[in-house]
Amino acid sequence: MKKKVYYTMFIALLIALSACQKNITQAPGFKPSSLNVALNSTDNLSSSDAKKTIDKGLVGYYPFLGNPNDASGYGINGTLRDFYSGGIDLLGLPTLTTDKNGNANSAYRFNGLSDFIYMLKNPLLNGVPPDTTFVPVIKGISQFSMYVRFKTDTIGSLQTLIQSGDAHAGPNSLALSIYPDNSVSLGWAFVTAYLFTGHSAYVTSKPNVIKTNTWSDLVINFNDSKLDLFLNGNLVGSSKTSFSTGGLLDNFRIGTTSASFPIWFFNGTIDEVRVYSRPLVDKEIQYLLVHKKIQ
């Protein structure tokens, strides 16, 4: 009789455990990569693997802590610039301001008309000698990621966040931009000119995802012939490219296009910029949303 009772209790326990497991695996709406998951606790994220790996493959890091210098260790420092037209200094250089977390002198304010930050070298082209000919250095890139935290003061116009290469000379140029419909987009080799290689790619979000005076965290990943665009932790655009390795020109600008006559200036504040030689994973993208720079 006792054996029968024990056997009945054991079967009941197995049924209960099975029911619990079913409830866990079928919990509605649970997505580890979703922005809605566990972002209330920065302590949990700080102790995650993302914090340990976030600097892996980092080839350019511009936290703007009092200057436009590169904090990645590669020394590709930025230079504050104002576009000169006819020898006239238009409106001055980018100015230091508070960042997303209210820290003074930890971000740069751009006037939207003439100022930008310039690097002779592209962070992704480490090891490639500076160009000494008319045709800039071109290197094939099979994977990368770019991250920018920004807040725009205006919408309804084309604004450049990050540009590599020469927007007016042809292919192998890359631009991460805000468009007049308030979408965010990335174009790669988007101008067909005398050096056109036949490769071009484009990825964009839906309209009206960018709001004025609102901080945004933007990530672009390129890997396995695919461009993915993340805004505030959410995938907002994806595009399959016709190539697995795309050409990229030297030089790099923040806040405007790259050319002899820069245009499409950014109007607002850029908190920081990161460039990676690899794609970021979901946990790292989520981590960047809540991380704070070491002052």
C-alpha atoms as a PDB file:
ATOM      1  CA  MET A   1       0.000   0.000   0.000  1.00  0.00           C
ATOM      2  CA  LYS A   2       2.813   2.413   0.885  1.00  0.00           C
ATOM      3  CA  LYS A   3       4.540   1.706  -2.431  1.00  0.00           C
ATOM      4  CA  LYS A   4       1.356   2.613  -4.285  1.00  0.00           C
ATOM      5  CA  VAL A   5       1.023   5.903  -2.368  1.00  0.00           C
ATOM      6  CA  TYR A   6       4.668   6.827  -3.040  1.00  0.00           C
ATOM      7  CA  TYR A   7       4.271   5.970  -6.726  1.00  0.00           C
ATOM      8  CA  THR A   8       1.136   8.131  -6.977  1.00  0.00           C
ATOM      9  CA  MET A   9       2.915  11.067  -5.287  1.00  0.00           C
ATOM     10  CA  PHE A  10       5.899  10.716  -7.641  1.00  0.00           C
ATOM     11  CA  ILE A  11       3.667  10.801 -10.743  1.00  0.00           C
ATOM     12  CA  ALA A  12       1.865  13.888  -9.412  1.00  0.00           C
ATOM     13  CA  LEU A  13       5.201  15.652  -8.828  1.00  0.00           C
ATOM     14  CA  LEU A  14       6.336  14.902 -12.397  1.00  0.00           C
ATOM     15  CA  ILE A  15       3.074  16.318 -13.766  1.00  0.00           C
ATOM     16  CA  ALA A  16       3.484  19.475 -11.688  1.00  0.00           C
ATOM     17  CA  LEU A  17       7.074  19.995 -12.843  1.00  0.00           C
ATOM     18  CA  SER A  18       6.054  19.421 -16.446  1.00  0.00           C
ATOM     19  CA  ALA A  19       3.317  22.038 -16.160  1.00  0.00           C
ATOM     20  CA  CYS A  20       5.762  24.571 -14.684  1.00  0.00           C
ATOM     21  CA  GLN A  21       8.250  23.968 -17.487  1.00  0.00           C
ATOM     22  CA  LYS A  22       5.518  24.452 -20.102  1.00  0.00           C
ATOM     23  CA  ASN A  23       4.536  27.778 -18.548  1.00  0.00           C
ATOM     24  CA  ILE A  24       8.137  29.000 -18.619  1.00  0.00           C
ATOM     25  CA  THR A  25       8.891  28.066 -22.210  1.00  0.00           C
ATOM     26  CA  GLN A  26       5.625  29.506 -23.467  1.00  0.00           C
ATOM     27  CA  ALA A  27       5.764  32.780 -21.560  1.00  0.00           C
ATOM     28  CA  PRO A  28       4.189  35.289 -23.980  1.00  0.00           C
ATOM     29  CA  GLY A  29       6.253  38.153 -25.356  1.00  0.00           C
ATOM     30  CA  PHE A  30       9.592  37.141 -23.867  1.00  0.00           C
ATOM     31  CA  LYS A  31      12.389  38.120 -26.240  1.00  0.00           C
ATOM     32  CA  PRO A  32      15.918  38.393 -24.784  1.00  0.00           C
ATOM     33  CA  SER A  33      16.941  40.914 -27.456  1.00  0.00           C
ATOM     34  CA  SER A  34      13.892  43.136 -26.958  1.00  0.00           C
ATOM     35  CA  LEU A  35      14.272  46.649 -25.598  1.00  0.00           C
ATOM     36  CA  ASN A  36      11.469  45.884 -23.128  1.00  0.00           C
ATOM     37  CA  VAL A  37      13.522  43.304 -21.249  1.00  0.00           C
ATOM     38  CA  ALA A  38      15.346  44.081 -18.001  1.00  0.00           C
ATOM     39  CA  LEU A  39      16.687  47.514 -18.898  1.00  0.00           C
ATOM     40  CA  ASN A  40      15.461  48.868 -15.581  1.00  0.00           C
ATOM     41  CA  SER A  41      18.549  47.501 -13.859  1.00  0.00           C
ATOM     42  CA  THR A  42      21.850  48.790 -15.192  1.00  0.00           C
ATOM     43  CA  ASP A  43      23.638  46.688 -12.570  1.00  0.00           C
ATOM     44  CA  ASN A  44      22.530  43.485 -14.300  1.00  0.00           C
ATOM     45  CA  LEU A  45      23.777  44.753 -17.638  1.00  0.00           C
ATOM     46  CA  SER A  46      27.049  45.984 -16.161  1.00  0.00           C
ATOM     47  CA  SER A  47      27.822  42.521 -14.841  1.00  0.00           C
ATOM     48  CA  SER A  48      26.877  40.808 -18.106  1.00  0.00           C
ATOM     49  CA  ASP A  49      29.191  39.468 -20.756  1.00  0.00           C
ATOM     50  CA  ALA A  50      28.446  42.543 -22.875  1.00  0.00           C
ATOM     51  CA  LYS A  51      30.577  44.742 -20.635  1.00  0.00           C
ATOM     52  CA  LYS A  52      33.475  42.316 -21.021  1.00  0.00           C
ATOM     53  CA  THR A  53      33.294  42.215 -24.812  1.00  0.00           C
ATOM     54  CA  ILE A  54      32.189  45.758 -25.686  1.00  0.00           C
ATOM     55  CA  ASP A  55      35.763  46.886 -26.485  1.00  0.00           C
ATOM     56  CA  LYS A  56      36.582  43.852 -28.643  1.00  0.00           C
ATOM     57  CA  GLY A  57      37.275  44.936 -32.222  1.00  0.00           C
ATOM     58  CA  LEU A  58      37.004  48.610 -31.296  1.00  0.00           C
ATOM     59  CA  VAL A  59      39.120  50.524 -33.827  1.00  0.00           C
ATOM     60  CA  GLY A  60      37.786  54.021 -33.226  1.00  0.00           C
ATOM     61  CA  TYR A  61      36.182  55.497 -30.097  1.00  0.00           C
ATOM     62  CA  TYR A  62      35.251  59.148 -29.691  1.00  0.00           C
ATOM     63  CA  PRO A  63      33.704  59.747 -26.227  1.00  0.00           C
ATOM     64  CA  PHE A  64      34.254  63.525 -26.603  1.00  0.00           C
ATOM     65  CA  LEU A  65      35.490  63.955 -23.036  1.00  0.00           C
ATOM     66  CA  GLY A  66      36.760  67.493 -23.456  1.00  0.00           C
ATOM     67  CA  ASN A  67      38.275  66.839 -26.893  1.00  0.00           C
ATOM     68  CA  PRO A  68      37.693  64.936 -30.178  1.00  0.00           C
ATOM     69  CA  ASN A  69      40.494  62.440 -29.538  1.00  0.00           C
ATOM     70  CA  ASP A  70      40.362  58.711 -30.228  1.00  0.00           C
ATOM     71  CA  ALA A  71      40.143  56.649 -27.018  1.00  0.00           C
ATOM     72  CA  SER A  72      40.442  53.258 -28.744  1.00  0.00           C
ATOM     73  CA  GLY A  73      44.236  53.238 -28.534  1.00  0.00           C
ATOM     74  CA  TYR A  74      44.788  53.586 -32.290  1.00  0.00           C
ATOM     75  CA  GLY A  75      45.330  57.333 -32.099  1.00  0.00           C
ATOM     76  CA  ILE A  76      43.139  58.379 -35.024  1.00  0.00           C
ATOM     77  CA  ASN A  77      42.243  61.681 -33.375  1.00  0.00           C
ATOM     78  CA  GLY A  78      39.610  64.022 -34.694  1.00  0.00           C
ATOM     79  CA  THR A  79      40.124  67.673 -35.594  1.00  0.00           C
ATOM     80  CA  LEU A  80      37.468  70.337 -35.055  1.00  0.00           C
ATOM     81  CA  ARG A  81      36.697  72.071 -38.336  1.00  0.00           C
ATOM     82  CA  ASP A  82      34.615  74.884 -39.768  1.00  0.00           C
ATOM     83  CA  PHE A  83      33.955  75.002 -43.496  1.00  0.00           C
ATOM     84  CA  TYR A  84      35.678  77.998 -45.034  1.00  0.00           C
ATOM     85  CA  SER A  85      34.050  79.604 -48.035  1.00  0.00           C
ATOM     86  CA  GLY A  86      35.984  82.387 -49.705  1.00  0.00           C
ATOM     87  CA  GLY A  87      38.313  82.603 -46.723  1.00  0.00           C
ATOM     88  CA  ILE A  88      35.492  83.477 -44.343  1.00  0.00           C
ATOM     89  CA  ASP A  89      35.084  81.616 -41.053  1.00  0.00           C
ATOM     90  CA  LEU A  90      31.332  81.023 -41.052  1.00  0.00           C
ATOM     91  CA  LEU A  91      30.096  80.137 -37.574  1.00  0.00           C
ATOM     92  CA  GLY A  92      32.978  78.591 -35.634  1.00  0.00           C
ATOM     93  CA  LEU A  93      33.962  75.127 -34.460  1.00  0.00           C
ATOM     94  CA  PRO A  94      31.845  72.455 -32.769  1.00  0.00           C
ATOM     95  CA  THR A  95      31.448  73.356 -29.097  1.00  0.00           C
ATOM     96  CA  LEU A  96      31.580  71.180 -26.002  1.00  0.00           C
ATOM     97  CA  THR A  97      28.300  70.641 -24.174  1.00  0.00           C
ATOM     98  CA  THR A  98      26.592  68.227 -21.757  1.00  0.00           C
ATOM     99  CA  ASP A  99      26.079  64.588 -22.719  1.00  0.00           C
ATOM    100  CA  LYS A 100      23.008  62.356 -22.344  1.00  0.00           C
ATOM    101  CA  ASN A 101      23.700  61.889 -18.632  1.00  0.00           C
ATOM    102  CA  GLY A 102      24.193  65.593 -17.908  1.00  0.00           C
ATOM    103  CA  ASN A 103      27.997  65.531 -17.704  1.00  0.00           C
ATOM    104  CA  ALA A 104      29.562  68.823 -18.761  1.00  0.00           C
ATOM    105  CA  ASN A 105      32.089  68.980 -21.638  1.00  0.00           C
ATOM    106  CA  SER A 106      31.283  65.404 -22.678  1.00  0.00           C
ATOM    107  CA  ALA A 107      29.601  65.880 -26.072  1.00  0.00           C
ATOM    108  CA  TYR A 108      29.831  68.209 -29.072  1.00  0.00           C
ATOM    109  CA  ARG A 109      27.209  70.641 -30.312  1.00  0.00           C
ATOM    110  CA  PHE A 110      27.073  71.126 -34.121  1.00  0.00           C
ATOM    111  CA  ASN A 111      25.523  74.237 -35.668  1.00  0.00           C
ATOM    112  CA  GLY A 112      24.017  72.537 -38.724  1.00  0.00           C
ATOM    113  CA  LEU A 113      25.597  74.990 -41.153  1.00  0.00           C
ATOM    114  CA  SER A 114      29.372  74.768 -41.218  1.00  0.00           C
ATOM    115  CA  ASP A 115      31.108  72.759 -38.482  1.00  0.00           C
ATOM    116  CA  PHE A 116      32.209  69.124 -38.271  1.00  0.00           C
ATOM    117  CA  ILE A 117      34.915  66.765 -36.938  1.00  0.00           C
ATOM    118  CA  TYR A 118      37.488  65.399 -39.391  1.00  0.00           C
ATOM    119  CA  MET A 119      39.957  62.499 -39.368  1.00  0.00           C
ATOM    120  CA  LEU A 120      42.466  61.968 -42.171  1.00  0.00           C
ATOM    121  CA  LYS A 121      42.349  58.227 -41.551  1.00  0.00           C
ATOM    122  CA  ASN A 122      39.302  56.003 -41.553  1.00  0.00           C
ATOM    123  CA  PRO A 123      39.257  53.969 -38.305  1.00  0.00           C
ATOM    124  CA  LEU A 124      38.433  50.826 -40.299  1.00  0.00           C
ATOM    125  CA  LEU A 125      41.520  51.244 -42.492  1.00  0.00           C
ATOM    126  CA  ASN A 126      44.177  50.700 -39.839  1.00  0.00           C
ATOM    127  CA  GLY A 127      47.415  49.519 -41.375  1.00  0.00           C
ATOM    128  CA  VAL A 128      46.716  51.063 -44.776  1.00  0.00           C
ATOM    129  CA  PRO A 129      49.256  53.813 -45.601  1.00  0.00           C
ATOM    130  CA  PRO A 130      47.939  57.350 -46.217  1.00  0.00           C
ATOM    131  CA  ASP A 131      46.933  58.104 -49.778  1.00  0.00           C
ATOM    132  CA  THR A 132      49.618  59.784 -51.894  1.00  0.00           C
ATOM    133  CA  THR A 133      47.824  59.714 -55.228  1.00  0.00           C
ATOM    134  CA  PHE A 134      44.736  61.279 -56.741  1.00  0.00           C
ATOM    135  CA  VAL A 135      42.748  58.097 -56.111  1.00  0.00           C
ATOM    136  CA  PRO A 136      42.192  57.556 -52.350  1.00  0.00           C
ATOM    137  CA  VAL A 137      43.123  54.348 -50.549  1.00  0.00           C
ATOM    138  CA  ILE A 138      40.500  51.633 -50.971  1.00  0.00           C
ATOM    139  CA  LYS A 139      40.252  48.599 -48.711  1.00  0.00           C
ATOM    140  CA  GLY A 140      37.761  45.743 -48.773  1.00  0.00           C
ATOM    141  CA  ILE A 141      35.599  45.454 -45.652  1.00  0.00           C
ATOM    142  CA  SER A 142      33.716  42.216 -44.930  1.00  0.00           C
ATOM    143  CA  GLN A 143      32.246  43.230 -41.567  1.00  0.00           C
ATOM    144  CA  PHE A 144      32.000  46.271 -39.324  1.00  0.00           C
ATOM    145  CA  SER A 145      29.762  48.136 -36.926  1.00  0.00           C
ATOM    146  CA  MET A 146      29.252  51.840 -36.213  1.00  0.00           C
ATOM    147  CA  TYR A 147      27.497  53.344 -33.196  1.00  0.00           C
ATOM    148  CA  VAL A 148      26.467  56.947 -32.626  1.00  0.00           C
ATOM    149  CA  ARG A 149      24.487  58.548 -29.802  1.00  0.00           C
ATOM    150  CA  PHE A 150      22.915  61.835 -30.874  1.00  0.00           C
ATOM    151  CA  LYS A 151      20.145  64.368 -30.371  1.00  0.00           C
ATOM    152  CA  THR A 152      19.019  66.533 -33.286  1.00  0.00           C
ATOM    153  CA  ASP A 153      17.632  70.043 -32.902  1.00  0.00           C
ATOM    154  CA  THR A 154      15.750  69.990 -36.179  1.00  0.00           C
ATOM    155  CA  ILE A 155      13.934  67.590 -38.487  1.00  0.00           C
ATOM    156  CA  GLY A 156      12.758  67.751 -42.076  1.00  0.00           C
ATOM    157  CA  SER A 157      16.174  68.144 -43.668  1.00  0.00           C
ATOM    158  CA  LEU A 158      19.024  65.881 -44.762  1.00  0.00           C
ATOM    159  CA  GLN A 159      21.707  65.660 -42.042  1.00  0.00           C
ATOM    160  CA  THR A 160      24.899  63.591 -42.001  1.00  0.00           C
ATOM    161  CA  LEU A 161      25.928  61.789 -38.825  1.00  0.00           C
ATOM    162  CA  ILE A 162      28.951  59.815 -40.116  1.00  0.00           C
ATOM    163  CA  GLN A 163      30.602  59.875 -43.531  1.00  0.00           C
ATOM    164  CA  SER A 164      33.508  57.889 -44.967  1.00  0.00           C
ATOM    165  CA  GLY A 165      34.980  58.623 -48.365  1.00  0.00           C
ATOM    166  CA  ASP A 166      33.963  61.351 -50.780  1.00  0.00           C
ATOM    167  CA  ALA A 167      30.241  61.819 -51.265  1.00  0.00           C
ATOM    168  CA  HIS A 168      30.732  63.718 -54.516  1.00  0.00           C
ATOM    169  CA  ALA A 169      33.398  61.553 -56.188  1.00  0.00           C
ATOM    170  CA  GLY A 170      31.740  58.169 -56.468  1.00  0.00           C
ATOM    171  CA  PRO A 171      31.663  54.691 -54.970  1.00  0.00           C
ATOM    172  CA  ASN A 172      33.261  53.142 -51.904  1.00  0.00           C
ATOM    173  CA  SER A 173      31.846  56.002 -49.855  1.00  0.00           C
ATOM    174  CA  LEU A 174      29.559  55.425 -46.899  1.00  0.00           C
ATOM    175  CA  ALA A 175      27.118  57.792 -45.204  1.00  0.00           C
ATOM    176  CA  LEU A 176      24.921  57.352 -42.124  1.00  0.00           C
ATOM    177  CA  SER A 177      22.275  60.060 -42.282  1.00  0.00           C
ATOM    178  CA  ILE A 178      18.966  61.474 -41.088  1.00  0.00           C
ATOM    179  CA  TYR A 179      16.623  62.047 -44.033  1.00  0.00           C
ATOM    180  CA  PRO A 180      13.945  64.751 -44.575  1.00  0.00           C
ATOM    181  CA  ASP A 181      11.170  62.243 -43.771  1.00  0.00           C
ATOM    182  CA  ASN A 182      12.814  61.818 -40.314  1.00  0.00           C
ATOM    183  CA  SER A 183      14.070  58.328 -41.080  1.00  0.00           C
ATOM    184  CA  VAL A 184      17.637  57.127 -40.577  1.00  0.00           C
ATOM    185  CA  SER A 185      19.508  55.575 -43.491  1.00  0.00           C
ATOM    186  CA  LEU A 186      22.863  54.223 -44.567  1.00  0.00           C
ATOM    187  CA  GLY A 187      24.086  54.487 -48.153  1.00  0.00           C
ATOM    188  CA  TRP A 188      27.254  52.764 -49.365  1.00  0.00           C
ATOM    189  CA  ALA A 189      28.734  53.626 -52.775  1.00  0.00           C
ATOM    190  CA  PHE A 190      25.553  55.568 -53.385  1.00  0.00           C
ATOM    191  CA  VAL A 191      26.896  57.962 -56.049  1.00  0.00           C
ATOM    192  CA  THR A 192      27.719  56.480 -59.444  1.00  0.00           C
ATOM    193  CA  ALA A 193      30.604  58.341 -61.033  1.00  0.00           C
ATOM    194  CA  TYR A 194      33.846  57.684 -62.896  1.00  0.00           C
ATOM    195  CA  LEU A 195      35.136  55.145 -60.334  1.00  0.00           C
ATOM    196  CA  PHE A 196      31.885  53.208 -59.994  1.00  0.00           C
ATOM    197  CA  THR A 197      32.562  49.563 -59.131  1.00  0.00           C
ATOM    198  CA  GLY A 198      29.071  48.179 -59.559  1.00  0.00           C
ATOM    199  CA  HIS A 199      28.571  47.673 -55.828  1.00  0.00           C
ATOM    200  CA  SER A 200      25.997  49.705 -53.946  1.00  0.00           C
ATOM    201  CA  ALA A 201      23.879  49.151 -50.857  1.00  0.00           C
ATOM    202  CA  TYR A 202      21.174  50.998 -49.002  1.00  0.00           C
ATOM    203  CA  VAL A 203      19.226  50.396 -45.796  1.00  0.00           C
ATOM    204  CA  THR A 204      16.668  52.663 -44.162  1.00  0.00           C
ATOM    205  CA  SER A 205      14.141  52.809 -41.363  1.00  0.00           C
ATOM    206  CA  LYS A 206      10.497  53.805 -41.603  1.00  0.00           C
ATOM    207  CA  PRO A 207       9.760  57.557 -41.634  1.00  0.00           C
ATOM    208  CA  ASN A 208       9.298  59.625 -38.482  1.00  0.00           C
ATOM    209  CA  VAL A 209      11.468  57.540 -36.152  1.00  0.00           C
ATOM    210  CA  ILE A 210      13.666  60.537 -35.266  1.00  0.00           C
ATOM    211  CA  LYS A 211      12.267  63.198 -32.929  1.00  0.00           C
ATOM    212  CA  THR A 212      13.761  66.573 -32.040  1.00  0.00           C
ATOM    213  CA  ASN A 213      15.458  67.053 -28.670  1.00  0.00           C
ATOM    214  CA  THR A 214      15.354  63.309 -28.022  1.00  0.00           C
ATOM    215  CA  TRP A 215      18.447  61.156 -27.513  1.00  0.00           C
ATOM    216  CA  SER A 216      18.831  58.302 -29.990  1.00  0.00           C
ATOM    217  CA  ASP A 217      21.263  55.378 -30.077  1.00  0.00           C
ATOM    218  CA  LEU A 218      21.984  54.195 -33.611  1.00  0.00           C
ATOM    219  CA  VAL A 219      23.907  51.070 -34.651  1.00  0.00           C
ATOM    220  CA  ILE A 220      24.713  49.853 -38.158  1.00  0.00           C
ATOM    221  CA  ASN A 221      26.033  46.302 -38.635  1.00  0.00           C
ATOM    222  CA  PHE A 222      27.534  44.818 -41.802  1.00  0.00           C
ATOM    223  CA  ASN A 223      28.143  41.072 -41.833  1.00  0.00           C
ATOM    224  CA  ASP A 224      27.423  38.086 -44.109  1.00  0.00           C
ATOM    225  CA  SER A 225      26.416  40.371 -46.999  1.00  0.00           C
ATOM    226  CA  LYS A 226      23.782  42.032 -44.821  1.00  0.00           C
ATOM    227  CA  LEU A 227      23.233  45.514 -43.428  1.00  0.00           C
ATOM    228  CA  ASP A 228      21.207  45.808 -40.204  1.00  0.00           C
ATOM    229  CA  LEU A 229      20.105  49.125 -38.717  1.00  0.00           C
ATOM    230  CA  PHE A 230      19.220  49.380 -35.016  1.00  0.00           C
ATOM    231  CA  LEU A 231      17.619  52.409 -33.371  1.00  0.00           C
ATOM    232  CA  ASN A 232      17.357  52.480 -29.580  1.00  0.00           C
ATOM    233  CA  GLY A 233      17.937  48.743 -29.416  1.00  0.00           C
ATOM    234  CA  ASN A 234      15.324  47.792 -32.002  1.00  0.00           C
ATOM    235  CA  LEU A 235      15.949  46.492 -35.515  1.00  0.00           C
ATOM    236  CA  VAL A 236      14.436  49.167 -37.775  1.00  0.00           C
ATOM    237  CA  GLY A 237      15.932  48.228 -41.142  1.00  0.00           C
ATOM    238  CA  SER A 238      17.659  45.326 -42.884  1.00  0.00           C
ATOM    239  CA  SER A 239      19.029  44.894 -46.385  1.00  0.00           C
ATOM    240  CA  LYS A 240      20.833  42.104 -48.222  1.00  0.00           C
ATOM    241  CA  THR A 241      23.783  43.348 -50.274  1.00  0.00           C
ATOM    242  CA  SER A 242      25.034  42.000 -53.589  1.00  0.00           C
ATOM    243  CA  PHE A 243      28.551  41.723 -52.172  1.00  0.00           C
ATOM    244  CA  SER A 244      30.239  40.149 -49.150  1.00  0.00           C
ATOM    245  CA  THR A 245      33.205  42.543 -49.151  1.00  0.00           C
ATOM    246  CA  GLY A 246      32.655  46.192 -49.954  1.00  0.00           C
ATOM    247  CA  GLY A 247      35.211  48.841 -50.792  1.00  0.00           C
ATOM    248  CA  LEU A 248      35.748  51.722 -48.387  1.00  0.00           C
ATOM    249  CA  LEU A 249      37.669  54.944 -48.911  1.00  0.00           C
ATOM    250  CA  ASP A 250      40.027  56.589 -46.474  1.00  0.00           C
ATOM    251  CA  ASN A 251      39.104  59.662 -44.365  1.00  0.00           C
ATOM    252  CA  PHE A 252      36.242  59.997 -41.927  1.00  0.00           C
ATOM    253  CA  ARG A 253      33.968  62.832 -40.838  1.00  0.00           C
ATOM    254  CA  ILE A 254      31.404  63.327 -38.115  1.00  0.00           C
ATOM    255  CA  GLY A 255      28.627  65.828 -38.750  1.00  0.00           C
ATOM    256  CA  THR A 256      28.948  66.383 -42.510  1.00  0.00           C
ATOM    257  CA  THR A 257      29.687  64.772 -45.846  1.00  0.00           C
ATOM    258  CA  SER A 258      33.260  64.273 -47.014  1.00  0.00           C
ATOM    259  CA  ALA A 259      34.267  66.341 -50.007  1.00  0.00           C
ATOM    260  CA  SER A 260      35.968  69.561 -51.023  1.00  0.00           C
ATOM    261  CA  PHE A 261      32.669  71.298 -50.333  1.00  0.00           C
ATOM    262  CA  PRO A 262      30.973  69.565 -47.384  1.00  0.00           C
ATOM    263  CA  ILE A 263      27.197  69.873 -47.119  1.00  0.00           C
ATOM    264  CA  TRP A 264      24.279  68.318 -45.241  1.00  0.00           C
ATOM    265  CA  PHE A 265      25.614  69.346 -41.840  1.00  0.00           C
ATOM    266  CA  PHE A 266      24.242  67.882 -38.622  1.00  0.00           C
ATOM    267  CA  ASN A 267      22.330  70.259 -36.347  1.00  0.00           C
ATOM    268  CA  GLY A 268      22.363  69.078 -32.739  1.00  0.00           C
ATOM    269  CA  THR A 269      24.503  67.180 -30.248  1.00  0.00           C
ATOM    270  CA  ILE A 270      26.591  64.040 -30.720  1.00  0.00           C
ATOM    271  CA  ASP A 271      27.468  62.305 -27.463  1.00  0.00           C
ATOM    272  CA  GLU A 272      29.889  59.669 -28.749  1.00  0.00           C
ATOM    273  CA  VAL A 273      30.885  57.587 -31.768  1.00  0.00           C
ATOM    274  CA  ARG A 274      32.251  54.033 -31.884  1.00  0.00           C
ATOM    275  CA  VAL A 275      33.658  52.111 -34.863  1.00  0.00           C
ATOM    276  CA  TYR A 276      34.217  48.331 -34.783  1.00  0.00           C
ATOM    277  CA  SER A 277      35.927  45.930 -37.148  1.00  0.00           C
ATOM    278  CA  ARG A 278      33.212  43.383 -36.348  1.00  0.00           C
ATOM    279  CA  PRO A 279      29.416  43.393 -35.961  1.00  0.00           C
ATOM    280  CA  LEU A 280      27.900  44.001 -32.541  1.00  0.00           C
ATOM    281  CA  VAL A 281      25.637  41.344 -31.033  1.00  0.00           C
ATOM    282  CA  ASP A 282      22.238  41.987 -29.435  1.00  0.00           C
ATOM    283  CA  LYS A 283      23.496  42.082 -25.835  1.00  0.00           C
ATOM    284  CA  GLU A 284      26.166  44.638 -26.748  1.00  0.00           C
ATOM    285  CA  ILE A 285      23.649  46.821 -28.562  1.00  0.00           C
ATOM    286  CA  GLN A 286      21.411  46.757 -25.503  1.00  0.00           C
ATOM    287  CA  TYR A 287      24.370  47.509 -23.240  1.00  0.00           C
ATOM    288  CA  LEU A 288      25.278  50.632 -25.185  1.00  0.00           C
ATOM    289  CA  LEU A 289      21.805  52.038 -24.466  1.00  0.00           C
ATOM    290  CA  VAL A 290      22.473  52.345 -20.744  1.00  0.00           C
ATOM    291  CA  HIS A 291      26.253  52.547 -20.389  1.00  0.00           C
ATOM    292  CA  LYS A 292      27.856  55.667 -18.985  1.00  0.00           C
ATOM    293  CA  LYS A 293      31.229  56.992 -20.037  1.00  0.00           C
ATOM    294  CA  ILE A 294      34.002  57.072 -17.454  1.00  0.00           C
ATOM    295  CA  GLN A 295      34.551  60.747 -16.753  1.00  0.00           C
END
